[in-house]
Amino acid sequence: MRYRLTFIAGLALGYVLGTRAGRERYEQLKKSARQFAQNPAVRNTAETAAQQGRVYAGKAMHTVTDKVGDHVPSSVAERVRSLRDRTAGGSAGDDWGTSNT
């Protein structure tokens, strides 16, 4: 019985100390991640990558619609046409998933 009680007390103490140390490490990692994300070089690189992704996605959209435009349902083709018209004008937003009713 004494060994069982000692084991349970040790288990509880280990849990408390482990969670406290784990929480401190979590806070340390969170702080490091925040500092990394706020670094101007990282932010510029992320924005550049996002912009290039949008450009390549636009090129891919135009290529795909040129090749398979006749083989998609008319509702999808209509949305792609309206998106193509808007992106040609400089606006990159879309209305996918919204209702026209």
C-alpha atoms as a PDB file:
ATOM      1  CA  MET A   1       0.000   0.000   0.000  1.00  0.00           C
ATOM      2  CA  ARG A   2       2.834   2.378   0.875  1.00  0.00           C
ATOM      3  CA  TYR A   3       4.512   1.786  -2.507  1.00  0.00           C
ATOM      4  CA  ARG A   4       1.272   2.348  -4.345  1.00  0.00           C
ATOM      5  CA  LEU A   5       0.728   5.679  -2.541  1.00  0.00           C
ATOM      6  CA  THR A   6       4.336   6.724  -3.259  1.00  0.00           C
ATOM      7  CA  PHE A   7       3.891   5.800  -6.922  1.00  0.00           C
ATOM      8  CA  ILE A   8       0.655   7.815  -7.223  1.00  0.00           C
ATOM      9  CA  ALA A   9       2.246  10.823  -5.478  1.00  0.00           C
ATOM     10  CA  GLY A  10       5.257  10.619  -7.837  1.00  0.00           C
ATOM     11  CA  LEU A  11       2.965  10.317 -10.817  1.00  0.00           C
ATOM     12  CA  ALA A  12       0.989  13.393  -9.757  1.00  0.00           C
ATOM     13  CA  LEU A  13       4.145  15.399  -9.078  1.00  0.00           C
ATOM     14  CA  GLY A  14       5.625  14.390 -12.436  1.00  0.00           C
ATOM     15  CA  TYR A  15       2.424  15.350 -14.216  1.00  0.00           C
ATOM     16  CA  VAL A  16       2.315  18.790 -12.588  1.00  0.00           C
ATOM     17  CA  LEU A  17       5.997  19.511 -13.249  1.00  0.00           C
ATOM     18  CA  GLY A  18       5.772  18.143 -16.780  1.00  0.00           C
ATOM     19  CA  THR A  19       2.759  20.225 -17.697  1.00  0.00           C
ATOM     20  CA  ARG A  20       4.342  23.353 -16.259  1.00  0.00           C
ATOM     21  CA  ALA A  21       7.544  22.731 -18.224  1.00  0.00           C
ATOM     22  CA  GLY A  22       5.501  21.866 -21.296  1.00  0.00           C
ATOM     23  CA  ARG A  23       3.513  25.075 -21.012  1.00  0.00           C
ATOM     24  CA  GLU A  24       6.677  27.139 -20.648  1.00  0.00           C
ATOM     25  CA  ARG A  25       8.169  25.459 -23.716  1.00  0.00           C
ATOM     26  CA  TYR A  26       4.931  26.052 -25.639  1.00  0.00           C
ATOM     27  CA  GLU A  27       5.001  29.746 -24.741  1.00  0.00           C
ATOM     28  CA  GLN A  28       8.661  29.921 -25.785  1.00  0.00           C
ATOM     29  CA  LEU A  29       7.898  28.294 -29.159  1.00  0.00           C
ATOM     30  CA  LYS A  30       4.909  30.577 -29.673  1.00  0.00           C
ATOM     31  CA  LYS A  31       7.048  33.654 -28.986  1.00  0.00           C
ATOM     32  CA  SER A  32       9.724  32.442 -31.416  1.00  0.00           C
ATOM     33  CA  ALA A  33       7.150  31.762 -34.115  1.00  0.00           C
ATOM     34  CA  ARG A  34       5.626  35.211 -33.650  1.00  0.00           C
ATOM     35  CA  GLN A  35       9.053  36.874 -33.915  1.00  0.00           C
ATOM     36  CA  PHE A  36       9.831  34.838 -37.021  1.00  0.00           C
ATOM     37  CA  ALA A  37       6.521  35.762 -38.655  1.00  0.00           C
ATOM     38  CA  GLN A  38       7.028  39.463 -37.899  1.00  0.00           C
ATOM     39  CA  ASN A  39      10.473  39.505 -39.495  1.00  0.00           C
ATOM     40  CA  PRO A  40      10.276  41.859 -42.536  1.00  0.00           C
ATOM     41  CA  ALA A  41      12.305  39.505 -44.741  1.00  0.00           C
ATOM     42  CA  VAL A  42       9.985  36.607 -43.964  1.00  0.00           C
ATOM     43  CA  ARG A  43       6.892  38.732 -44.561  1.00  0.00           C
ATOM     44  CA  ASN A  44       8.230  39.991 -47.912  1.00  0.00           C
ATOM     45  CA  THR A  45       9.090  36.463 -49.002  1.00  0.00           C
ATOM     46  CA  ALA A  46       5.648  35.186 -48.007  1.00  0.00           C
ATOM     47  CA  GLU A  47       3.920  38.007 -49.884  1.00  0.00           C
ATOM     48  CA  THR A  48       6.079  37.405 -52.961  1.00  0.00           C
ATOM     49  CA  ALA A  49       5.272  33.696 -52.874  1.00  0.00           C
ATOM     50  CA  ALA A  50       1.559  34.423 -52.488  1.00  0.00           C
ATOM     51  CA  GLN A  51       1.616  36.878 -55.399  1.00  0.00           C
ATOM     52  CA  GLN A  52       3.461  34.402 -57.623  1.00  0.00           C
ATOM     53  CA  GLY A  53       0.965  31.723 -56.639  1.00  0.00           C
ATOM     54  CA  ARG A  54      -1.903  33.973 -57.702  1.00  0.00           C
ATOM     55  CA  VAL A  55      -0.197  34.708 -61.023  1.00  0.00           C
ATOM     56  CA  TYR A  56       0.433  31.014 -61.741  1.00  0.00           C
ATOM     57  CA  ALA A  57      -3.098  30.106 -60.668  1.00  0.00           C
ATOM     58  CA  GLY A  58      -4.464  32.721 -63.062  1.00  0.00           C
ATOM     59  CA  LYS A  59      -2.361  31.359 -65.912  1.00  0.00           C
ATOM     60  CA  ALA A  60      -3.457  27.823 -65.088  1.00  0.00           C
ATOM     61  CA  MET A  61      -7.111  28.898 -64.956  1.00  0.00           C
ATOM     62  CA  HIS A  62      -6.862  30.483 -68.410  1.00  0.00           C
ATOM     63  CA  THR A  63      -5.086  27.431 -69.858  1.00  0.00           C
ATOM     64  CA  VAL A  64      -7.594  24.980 -68.415  1.00  0.00           C
ATOM     65  CA  THR A  65     -10.641  26.986 -69.480  1.00  0.00           C
ATOM     66  CA  ASP A  66      -9.235  27.323 -72.999  1.00  0.00           C
ATOM     67  CA  LYS A  67      -8.755  23.555 -73.243  1.00  0.00           C
ATOM     68  CA  VAL A  68     -11.838  22.219 -71.456  1.00  0.00           C
ATOM     69  CA  GLY A  69     -14.206  25.176 -71.564  1.00  0.00           C
ATOM     70  CA  ASP A  70     -16.762  23.311 -73.709  1.00  0.00           C
ATOM     71  CA  HIS A  71     -16.774  20.248 -71.458  1.00  0.00           C
ATOM     72  CA  VAL A  72     -17.871  21.814 -68.162  1.00  0.00           C
ATOM     73  CA  PRO A  73     -21.413  22.587 -67.000  1.00  0.00           C
ATOM     74  CA  SER A  74     -22.695  25.964 -68.102  1.00  0.00           C
ATOM     75  CA  SER A  75     -23.010  27.252 -64.533  1.00  0.00           C
ATOM     76  CA  VAL A  76     -19.311  26.619 -63.900  1.00  0.00           C
ATOM     77  CA  ALA A  77     -18.296  28.055 -67.265  1.00  0.00           C
ATOM     78  CA  GLU A  78     -20.301  31.211 -66.512  1.00  0.00           C
ATOM     79  CA  ARG A  79     -18.537  31.720 -63.194  1.00  0.00           C
ATOM     80  CA  VAL A  80     -15.135  31.139 -64.766  1.00  0.00           C
ATOM     81  CA  ARG A  81     -15.923  33.661 -67.502  1.00  0.00           C
ATOM     82  CA  SER A  82     -16.989  36.265 -64.945  1.00  0.00           C
ATOM     83  CA  LEU A  83     -13.861  35.570 -62.899  1.00  0.00           C
ATOM     84  CA  ARG A  84     -11.698  35.878 -65.991  1.00  0.00           C
ATOM     85  CA  ASP A  85     -13.309  39.225 -66.849  1.00  0.00           C
ATOM     86  CA  ARG A  86     -12.724  40.578 -63.359  1.00  0.00           C
ATOM     87  CA  THR A  87      -9.113  39.403 -63.101  1.00  0.00           C
ATOM     88  CA  ALA A  88      -8.375  41.009 -66.449  1.00  0.00           C
ATOM     89  CA  GLY A  89      -9.564  44.299 -64.935  1.00  0.00           C
ATOM     90  CA  GLY A  90      -7.179  44.022 -61.984  1.00  0.00           C
ATOM     91  CA  SER A  91      -9.526  42.711 -59.281  1.00  0.00           C
ATOM     92  CA  ALA A  92      -8.545  39.273 -57.991  1.00  0.00           C
ATOM     93  CA  GLY A  93     -11.662  38.567 -55.873  1.00  0.00           C
ATOM     94  CA  ASP A  94     -14.169  35.885 -56.723  1.00  0.00           C
ATOM     95  CA  ASP A  95     -17.726  34.914 -55.864  1.00  0.00           C
ATOM     96  CA  TRP A  96     -17.310  31.141 -55.795  1.00  0.00           C
ATOM     97  CA  GLY A  97     -19.678  29.578 -53.316  1.00  0.00           C
ATOM     98  CA  THR A  98     -22.084  32.501 -53.274  1.00  0.00           C
ATOM     99  CA  SER A  99     -25.588  32.388 -54.610  1.00  0.00           C
ATOM    100  CA  ASN A 100     -26.727  34.561 -57.507  1.00  0.00           C
ATOM    101  CA  THR A 101     -30.364  34.406 -56.396  1.00  0.00           C
END
